[in-house]
Amino acid sequence: MTPAAIAVVEPQMHNLFHAPFNAALLHAVVLAYPELRVSFRARPEHAAAVRGILERNCPAIVSAIEWRGMTQRSDGSLAARWCSNSRMFSEVLNAGERVLFCSISRMQLLQLKRHMKPNQEVRAVLHGDLDRIEGPVTDRFPMSLFALQKVLRGRQPRGLRYVLLSDSIRRAIPAQFAPAMQNACVIDHPYHFPQVLPAPPGEVVFGIFGNCGDGRLLERVARAVRAAAPHIGFRLVGFLGDRAAVERLSPLVEGTGTLPISADAFLQGARAVTYALWLSKPDAFRLRASGTFMDALAFGKPLVYTANEFIDPYHALAPGIGTRCETIDDVPAAVVAVARAHREAEYREAQRAIVNLRVRFAPESLAPRLGSCLDFD
């Protein structure tokens, strides 16, 4: 049966969090189902952020979407969140539409399974929480009740299908979760990309995007590079996890702080860096996509990165996008070599490789694959 409408729902994010992803995903849904009414439900401030991104990138799409507010608590007691989620699921699932959740928490996934009726078709994008399934349950009661390992192994409604954000993630799913993932589908991480700008003038600066946690990997690289080539700069376009990390890194890295930065500050910082750094521990990002990688592509910054299962397949498709390092120990020498070899012509060539790779993440490219993935027929 063809659905009368598709509801795209963001059940948990607020303000700007995940707004770029949700805007691009919503755009792709509209293109995939041009004959259907598509609505977007989210908290008002998040819906405004998503709408603003679409107005800047594809204003014609905005009028094709029915914008619906949703009052949903993101704080309060566990009981209050449970009750708020229950009201949200009742409202969304009783509207008679096919539903795509842009994200979902582990507690919400448990509640969704309990609220779904046998004839309902629901799709849910799984994000970073998938990292939790490789290993024992470490949460204390009562959060241990919602451990993702338990939730995924629980009863699976026939009409529920998960959306994963790369083939590498699907390959890394442990075998014990195969029953839950047997109908899972894969799309690339959707994104709206701005125009690529030339390299900024002046000395070469390596930037790292997003939440850098305790910053120890960045500190390790920056100290080694400073010892070999003091003129090479580092800039954090994001934030650190605590004040101790700021105190350690501030002599080495510009832009350190503990709070998420504004959209304008992020844009200014991103434009000021020459190359992007992507640093992780071994086996990280096996079960999650990397927003930092998408930021590097978005701003056309050639990459120096540590080998990992998420980025490696894209680098294999387009090796010109940057430099792969087998381990973190290889990064300082790679940074120095890239800085010393920096030339305008070679930089433009790397940016062309980035622009060519970006096509696969654009909503226009994703729409045909998204329609097959969601299978709302």
Protein backbone atom coordinates (compact mmCIF):
# COMPACT_ATOMS: atom_id res chain seq x y z
CA MET A 1 0.00 0.00 0.00
CA THR A 2 1.36 3.43 -0.92
CA PRO A 3 1.52 5.73 2.11
CA ALA A 4 -0.46 8.97 2.09
CA ALA A 5 2.37 10.72 3.86
CA ILE A 6 5.78 10.27 5.42
CA ALA A 7 6.61 11.78 8.80
CA VAL A 8 10.30 12.50 9.35
CA VAL A 9 10.81 12.79 13.10
CA GLU A 10 13.70 13.95 15.27
CA PRO A 11 12.76 12.60 18.72
CA GLN A 12 15.67 13.78 20.85
CA MET A 13 18.00 16.42 19.37
CA HIS A 14 17.70 20.10 20.22
CA ASN A 15 19.15 23.38 18.96
CA LEU A 16 21.83 22.77 16.28
CA PHE A 17 22.75 19.21 17.26
CA HIS A 18 22.40 16.95 14.18
CA ALA A 19 20.66 19.76 12.28
CA PRO A 20 22.96 19.51 9.19
CA PHE A 21 22.40 15.74 8.99
CA ASN A 22 18.64 16.04 9.51
CA ALA A 23 18.30 18.82 6.94
CA ALA A 24 20.10 16.80 4.28
CA LEU A 25 18.17 13.63 5.16
CA LEU A 26 14.86 15.49 4.99
CA HIS A 27 15.86 16.96 1.63
CA ALA A 28 16.65 13.48 0.30
CA VAL A 29 13.29 12.13 1.52
CA VAL A 30 11.39 14.87 -0.32
CA LEU A 31 13.33 14.07 -3.52
CA ALA A 32 12.83 10.32 -3.08
CA TYR A 33 9.05 10.66 -2.66
CA PRO A 34 8.01 13.70 -4.74
CA GLU A 35 4.40 12.55 -5.00
CA LEU A 36 3.88 12.28 -1.24
CA ARG A 37 3.33 14.74 1.56
CA VAL A 38 6.40 14.88 3.81
CA SER A 39 6.26 16.39 7.29
CA PHE A 40 8.99 17.14 9.80
CA ARG A 41 8.44 16.86 13.55
CA ALA A 42 11.01 18.16 16.01
CA ARG A 43 11.39 20.54 18.91
CA PRO A 44 10.71 24.09 17.69
CA GLU A 45 14.29 25.34 18.02
CA HIS A 46 15.68 22.29 16.22
CA ALA A 47 13.06 22.53 13.46
CA ALA A 48 14.05 26.19 13.01
CA ALA A 49 17.72 25.20 12.65
CA VAL A 50 16.87 22.52 10.07
CA ARG A 51 14.62 24.91 8.17
CA GLY A 52 17.35 27.56 8.14
CA ILE A 53 19.84 25.13 6.59
CA LEU A 54 17.34 24.16 3.89
CA GLU A 55 16.51 27.79 3.15
CA ARG A 56 20.20 28.49 2.55
CA ASN A 57 20.84 25.41 0.43
CA CYS A 58 17.59 24.54 -1.37
CA PRO A 59 14.81 27.04 -0.62
CA ALA A 60 12.35 25.38 -3.00
CA ILE A 61 12.33 22.27 -0.78
CA VAL A 62 11.11 24.20 2.27
CA SER A 63 7.62 24.77 0.89
CA ALA A 64 7.29 21.06 0.06
CA ILE A 65 7.56 20.15 3.76
CA GLU A 66 4.84 20.36 6.38
CA TRP A 67 6.52 21.76 9.49
CA ARG A 68 5.10 20.47 12.75
CA GLY A 69 6.21 21.50 16.22
CA MET A 70 6.73 18.89 18.90
CA THR A 71 7.00 19.49 22.62
CA GLN A 72 9.46 16.92 23.90
CA ARG A 73 11.41 17.03 27.13
CA SER A 74 15.16 16.54 26.92
CA ASP A 75 15.81 16.86 30.64
CA GLY A 76 14.12 16.00 33.91
CA SER A 77 13.86 12.69 35.69
CA LEU A 78 13.96 9.33 33.99
CA ALA A 79 10.24 8.91 34.68
CA ALA A 80 9.48 12.30 33.14
CA ARG A 81 11.46 11.44 30.00
CA TRP A 82 9.71 8.09 29.75
CA CYS A 83 6.28 9.72 29.94
CA SER A 84 7.27 12.44 27.47
CA ASN A 85 8.54 9.83 25.02
CA SER A 86 5.35 7.82 25.39
CA ARG A 87 3.21 10.84 24.49
CA MET A 88 5.45 11.55 21.51
CA PHE A 89 5.24 7.98 20.18
CA SER A 90 1.47 7.88 20.61
CA GLU A 91 1.14 11.13 18.67
CA VAL A 92 3.51 10.13 15.88
CA LEU A 93 2.44 6.50 15.44
CA ASN A 94 -1.29 7.19 15.59
CA ALA A 95 -1.18 9.68 12.71
CA GLY A 96 -1.47 6.94 10.08
CA GLU A 97 1.79 7.82 8.33
CA ARG A 98 4.97 5.97 7.53
CA VAL A 99 7.62 7.20 9.93
CA LEU A 100 11.35 7.82 9.62
CA PHE A 101 13.18 8.67 12.85
CA CYS A 102 16.32 10.72 12.14
CA SER A 103 17.85 9.41 15.35
CA ILE A 104 16.68 7.48 18.37
CA SER A 105 18.01 6.92 21.87
CA ARG A 106 18.23 3.45 23.34
CA MET A 107 15.39 4.16 25.78
CA GLN A 108 13.29 5.56 22.95
CA LEU A 109 14.00 2.48 20.83
CA LEU A 110 12.69 0.24 23.60
CA GLN A 111 9.56 2.39 23.87
CA LEU A 112 9.11 2.48 20.11
CA LYS A 113 9.09 -1.31 19.96
CA ARG A 114 6.40 -1.39 22.62
CA HIS A 115 4.24 1.23 20.91
CA MET A 116 4.39 -0.12 17.36
CA LYS A 117 1.38 -1.95 15.94
CA PRO A 118 1.86 -4.95 13.62
CA ASN A 119 0.85 -3.05 10.47
CA GLN A 120 3.04 0.01 11.00
CA GLU A 121 6.10 0.80 8.88
CA VAL A 122 8.86 2.59 10.80
CA ARG A 123 12.48 3.29 9.91
CA ALA A 124 15.08 4.51 12.41
CA VAL A 125 18.59 5.83 11.73
CA LEU A 126 21.12 4.43 14.19
CA HIS A 127 23.97 6.76 15.10
CA GLY A 128 26.80 6.63 17.64
CA ASP A 129 24.95 4.56 20.23
CA LEU A 130 25.86 1.49 18.17
CA ASP A 131 29.34 1.77 19.70
CA ARG A 132 27.81 0.43 22.89
CA ILE A 133 26.98 -3.02 21.57
CA GLU A 134 30.59 -4.27 21.45
CA GLY A 135 31.23 -5.14 25.05
CA PRO A 136 29.47 -5.80 28.34
CA VAL A 137 26.70 -3.65 29.76
CA THR A 138 28.40 -1.05 31.95
CA ASP A 139 25.43 1.15 32.84
CA ARG A 140 24.14 1.15 36.37
CA PHE A 141 20.52 0.52 37.25
CA PRO A 142 18.10 1.86 36.05
CA MET A 143 19.87 2.82 32.80
CA SER A 144 21.05 -0.78 32.45
CA LEU A 145 17.41 -1.59 31.63
CA PHE A 146 17.89 0.32 28.37
CA ALA A 147 21.27 -1.07 27.38
CA LEU A 148 21.35 -1.12 23.60
CA GLN A 149 22.58 -4.72 23.61
CA LYS A 150 19.37 -5.74 25.37
CA VAL A 151 17.10 -3.50 23.33
CA LEU A 152 18.38 -4.76 19.98
CA ARG A 153 18.09 -8.39 21.03
CA GLY A 154 14.52 -7.89 22.26
CA ARG A 155 11.35 -8.39 20.26
CA GLN A 156 11.69 -6.92 16.78
CA PRO A 157 8.46 -5.58 15.23
CA ARG A 158 8.01 -6.78 11.67
CA GLY A 159 7.64 -3.26 10.30
CA LEU A 160 10.74 -1.80 11.97
CA ARG A 161 13.86 -1.39 9.87
CA TYR A 162 17.15 0.26 10.83
CA VAL A 163 19.12 2.64 8.62
CA LEU A 164 22.93 2.47 8.89
CA LEU A 165 25.31 5.12 7.62
CA SER A 166 27.92 3.04 5.80
CA ASP A 167 28.60 -0.46 4.53
CA SER A 168 31.53 -0.61 6.93
CA ILE A 169 29.11 -0.28 9.86
CA ARG A 170 26.93 -3.09 8.58
CA ARG A 171 29.98 -5.34 8.16
CA ALA A 172 31.10 -4.62 11.73
CA ILE A 173 27.78 -5.49 13.41
CA PRO A 174 28.45 -8.48 15.76
CA ALA A 175 26.81 -11.73 14.73
CA GLN A 176 24.54 -11.91 17.78
CA PHE A 177 22.64 -8.87 16.48
CA ALA A 178 22.10 -10.30 13.00
CA PRO A 179 18.37 -11.03 13.58
CA ALA A 180 17.68 -7.39 14.39
CA MET A 181 19.78 -6.21 11.43
CA GLN A 182 18.61 -8.66 8.78
CA ASN A 183 16.47 -5.97 7.11
CA ALA A 184 18.77 -3.05 7.89
CA CYS A 185 19.68 -0.86 4.94
CA VAL A 186 22.60 1.44 4.24
CA ILE A 187 22.93 4.98 2.93
CA ASP A 188 25.87 7.33 2.93
CA HIS A 189 25.81 10.15 5.48
CA PRO A 190 23.72 12.92 3.82
CA TYR A 191 25.15 16.43 3.78
CA HIS A 192 24.71 19.85 2.18
CA PHE A 193 28.08 21.12 1.00
CA PRO A 194 29.08 24.78 0.67
CA GLN A 195 31.31 26.10 -2.06
CA VAL A 196 34.96 25.15 -1.62
CA LEU A 197 37.25 28.11 -1.01
CA PRO A 198 40.99 28.33 -1.84
CA ALA A 199 43.58 27.69 0.84
CA PRO A 200 43.79 30.55 3.34
CA PRO A 201 46.91 32.71 3.02
CA GLY A 202 49.82 32.52 5.43
CA GLU A 203 51.41 29.65 7.28
CA VAL A 204 49.88 26.19 7.02
CA VAL A 205 47.38 25.42 9.82
CA PHE A 206 46.01 21.98 10.65
CA GLY A 207 42.50 21.98 12.08
CA ILE A 208 40.55 19.40 14.01
CA PHE A 209 36.76 19.59 14.03
CA GLY A 210 34.16 18.87 16.68
CA ASN A 211 34.32 17.40 20.17
CA CYS A 212 37.95 16.51 20.89
CA GLY A 213 37.33 14.92 24.30
CA ASP A 214 40.44 15.00 26.48
CA GLY A 215 42.53 16.07 23.47
CA ARG A 216 45.39 13.70 24.23
CA LEU A 217 45.83 12.46 20.66
CA LEU A 218 45.88 16.03 19.36
CA GLU A 219 48.31 17.06 22.10
CA ARG A 220 50.61 14.18 21.23
CA VAL A 221 50.68 15.16 17.54
CA ALA A 222 50.99 18.88 18.17
CA ARG A 223 53.93 18.48 20.57
CA ALA A 224 55.81 16.23 18.16
CA VAL A 225 55.20 18.57 15.23
CA ARG A 226 56.21 21.65 17.21
CA ALA A 227 59.52 20.00 18.06
CA ALA A 228 60.23 19.38 14.37
CA ALA A 229 58.60 22.40 12.70
CA PRO A 230 57.50 25.18 15.10
CA HIS A 231 55.98 27.28 12.32
CA ILE A 232 53.15 24.77 11.66
CA GLY A 233 49.96 25.83 13.39
CA PHE A 234 47.07 23.88 14.92
CA ARG A 235 43.51 25.07 15.47
CA LEU A 236 40.58 23.45 17.24
CA VAL A 237 37.29 24.11 15.47
CA GLY A 238 35.19 22.71 18.26
CA PHE A 239 35.73 22.10 21.97
CA LEU A 240 37.44 19.96 24.60
CA GLY A 241 35.95 17.85 27.35
CA ASP A 242 37.28 19.68 30.41
CA ARG A 243 39.34 22.59 31.70
CA ALA A 244 42.42 20.41 32.29
CA ALA A 245 42.50 19.57 28.57
CA VAL A 246 42.28 23.27 27.70
CA GLU A 247 45.22 24.08 29.99
CA ARG A 248 47.33 21.34 28.36
CA LEU A 249 46.51 22.24 24.79
CA SER A 250 46.16 26.03 24.79
CA PRO A 251 49.94 26.62 24.39
CA LEU A 252 49.91 24.33 21.34
CA VAL A 253 46.51 24.77 19.69
CA GLU A 254 44.44 27.85 18.90
CA GLY A 255 40.75 28.02 19.75
CA THR A 256 40.66 25.73 22.77
CA GLY A 257 37.62 25.86 25.04
CA THR A 258 35.16 23.61 26.85
CA LEU A 259 31.89 24.82 25.30
CA PRO A 260 30.46 24.04 21.86
CA ILE A 261 31.13 27.03 19.62
CA SER A 262 28.52 28.99 17.69
CA ALA A 263 27.74 28.32 14.05
CA ASP A 264 29.47 31.57 13.05
CA ALA A 265 32.58 30.75 15.08
CA PHE A 266 32.66 27.26 13.58
CA LEU A 267 32.45 28.69 10.07
CA GLN A 268 35.18 31.23 10.76
CA GLY A 269 37.47 28.62 12.30
CA ALA A 270 36.91 26.13 9.50
CA ARG A 271 37.80 28.68 6.85
CA ALA A 272 41.02 29.58 8.69
CA VAL A 273 42.55 26.09 8.54
CA THR A 274 44.47 24.69 5.59
CA TYR A 275 44.26 20.96 6.24
CA ALA A 276 42.04 18.80 8.45
CA LEU A 277 43.27 16.32 11.03
CA TRP A 278 41.27 13.21 11.88
CA LEU A 279 42.71 11.32 14.84
CA SER A 280 41.37 8.24 16.57
CA LYS A 281 42.42 5.19 18.51
CA PRO A 282 42.65 1.84 16.70
CA ASP A 283 39.29 0.21 15.95
CA ALA A 284 37.37 3.45 16.62
CA PHE A 285 34.48 4.34 14.31
CA ARG A 286 33.77 0.76 13.36
CA LEU A 287 30.10 1.22 14.29
CA ARG A 288 29.52 4.91 13.75
CA ALA A 289 29.87 7.54 11.07
CA SER A 290 32.21 10.49 11.54
CA GLY A 291 30.81 13.99 11.46
CA THR A 292 34.38 15.29 11.60
CA PHE A 293 35.12 13.59 8.29
CA MET A 294 32.01 15.18 6.79
CA ASP A 295 33.15 18.60 8.06
CA ALA A 296 36.50 18.15 6.33
CA LEU A 297 34.73 17.34 3.08
CA ALA A 298 32.29 20.21 3.57
CA PHE A 299 35.01 22.83 3.82
CA GLY A 300 37.23 21.26 1.17
CA LYS A 301 40.10 20.59 3.56
CA PRO A 302 42.54 17.85 2.47
CA LEU A 303 42.83 15.30 5.22
CA VAL A 304 45.56 13.72 7.32
CA TYR A 305 43.93 10.83 9.15
CA THR A 306 44.60 7.66 11.08
CA ALA A 307 43.44 4.46 9.40
CA ASN A 308 39.94 3.36 10.34
CA GLU A 309 37.14 1.31 8.86
CA PHE A 310 34.76 4.22 8.21
CA ILE A 311 37.04 6.55 6.23
CA ASP A 312 39.27 3.95 4.56
CA PRO A 313 36.68 2.87 1.94
CA TYR A 314 36.13 6.49 0.90
CA HIS A 315 39.86 7.13 0.76
CA ALA A 316 40.22 4.04 -1.44
CA LEU A 317 37.64 5.52 -3.82
CA ALA A 318 39.34 8.93 -3.83
CA PRO A 319 42.91 8.76 -2.50
CA GLY A 320 43.50 12.34 -3.60
CA ILE A 321 41.41 13.63 -0.67
CA GLY A 322 44.31 13.30 1.75
CA THR A 323 46.97 11.28 3.52
CA ARG A 324 46.33 8.01 5.35
CA CYS A 325 48.49 7.18 8.38
CA GLU A 326 48.59 3.63 9.66
CA THR A 327 48.91 4.69 13.31
CA ILE A 328 48.95 7.85 15.41
CA ASP A 329 52.74 7.56 15.57
CA ASP A 330 52.88 8.19 11.81
CA VAL A 331 50.85 11.41 11.95
CA PRO A 332 53.49 13.98 13.02
CA ALA A 333 55.82 13.08 10.15
CA ALA A 334 52.89 13.15 7.72
CA VAL A 335 51.84 16.59 8.97
CA VAL A 336 55.36 17.97 8.52
CA ALA A 337 55.66 16.41 5.05
CA VAL A 338 52.27 17.76 3.93
CA ALA A 339 53.11 21.25 5.20
CA ARG A 340 56.48 21.29 3.46
CA ALA A 341 54.98 20.07 0.19
CA HIS A 342 52.12 22.60 0.28
CA ARG A 343 51.69 24.12 -3.18
CA GLU A 344 48.68 25.88 -4.67
CA ALA A 345 48.35 23.56 -7.69
CA GLU A 346 48.52 20.36 -5.65
CA TYR A 347 46.12 21.81 -3.10
CA ARG A 348 43.55 22.59 -5.80
CA GLU A 349 43.93 19.04 -7.11
CA ALA A 350 43.16 17.62 -3.67
CA GLN A 351 40.13 19.87 -3.43
CA ARG A 352 38.89 18.61 -6.81
CA ALA A 353 39.10 15.06 -5.46
CA ILE A 354 37.09 16.14 -2.42
CA VAL A 355 34.43 17.81 -4.56
CA ASN A 356 34.10 14.69 -6.71
CA LEU A 357 33.72 12.47 -3.64
CA ARG A 358 31.17 14.82 -2.06
CA VAL A 359 28.69 14.04 -4.84
CA ARG A 360 27.82 10.66 -3.31
CA PHE A 361 26.70 12.32 -0.03
CA ALA A 362 24.51 15.00 -1.62
CA PRO A 363 20.72 14.61 -1.18
CA GLU A 364 20.24 14.55 -4.95
CA SER A 365 22.52 11.51 -5.22
CA LEU A 366 21.14 9.80 -2.15
CA ALA A 367 17.45 10.12 -3.06
CA PRO A 368 17.22 7.10 -5.41
CA ARG A 369 19.10 4.88 -2.96
CA LEU A 370 17.11 6.24 -0.02
CA GLY A 371 13.82 5.29 -1.66
CA SER A 372 15.02 1.72 -2.08
CA CYS A 373 16.43 1.69 1.44
CA LEU A 374 13.29 2.92 3.17
CA ASP A 375 11.06 0.80 0.93
CA PHE A 376 7.92 2.79 1.77
CA ASP A 377 5.85 1.08 -0.94
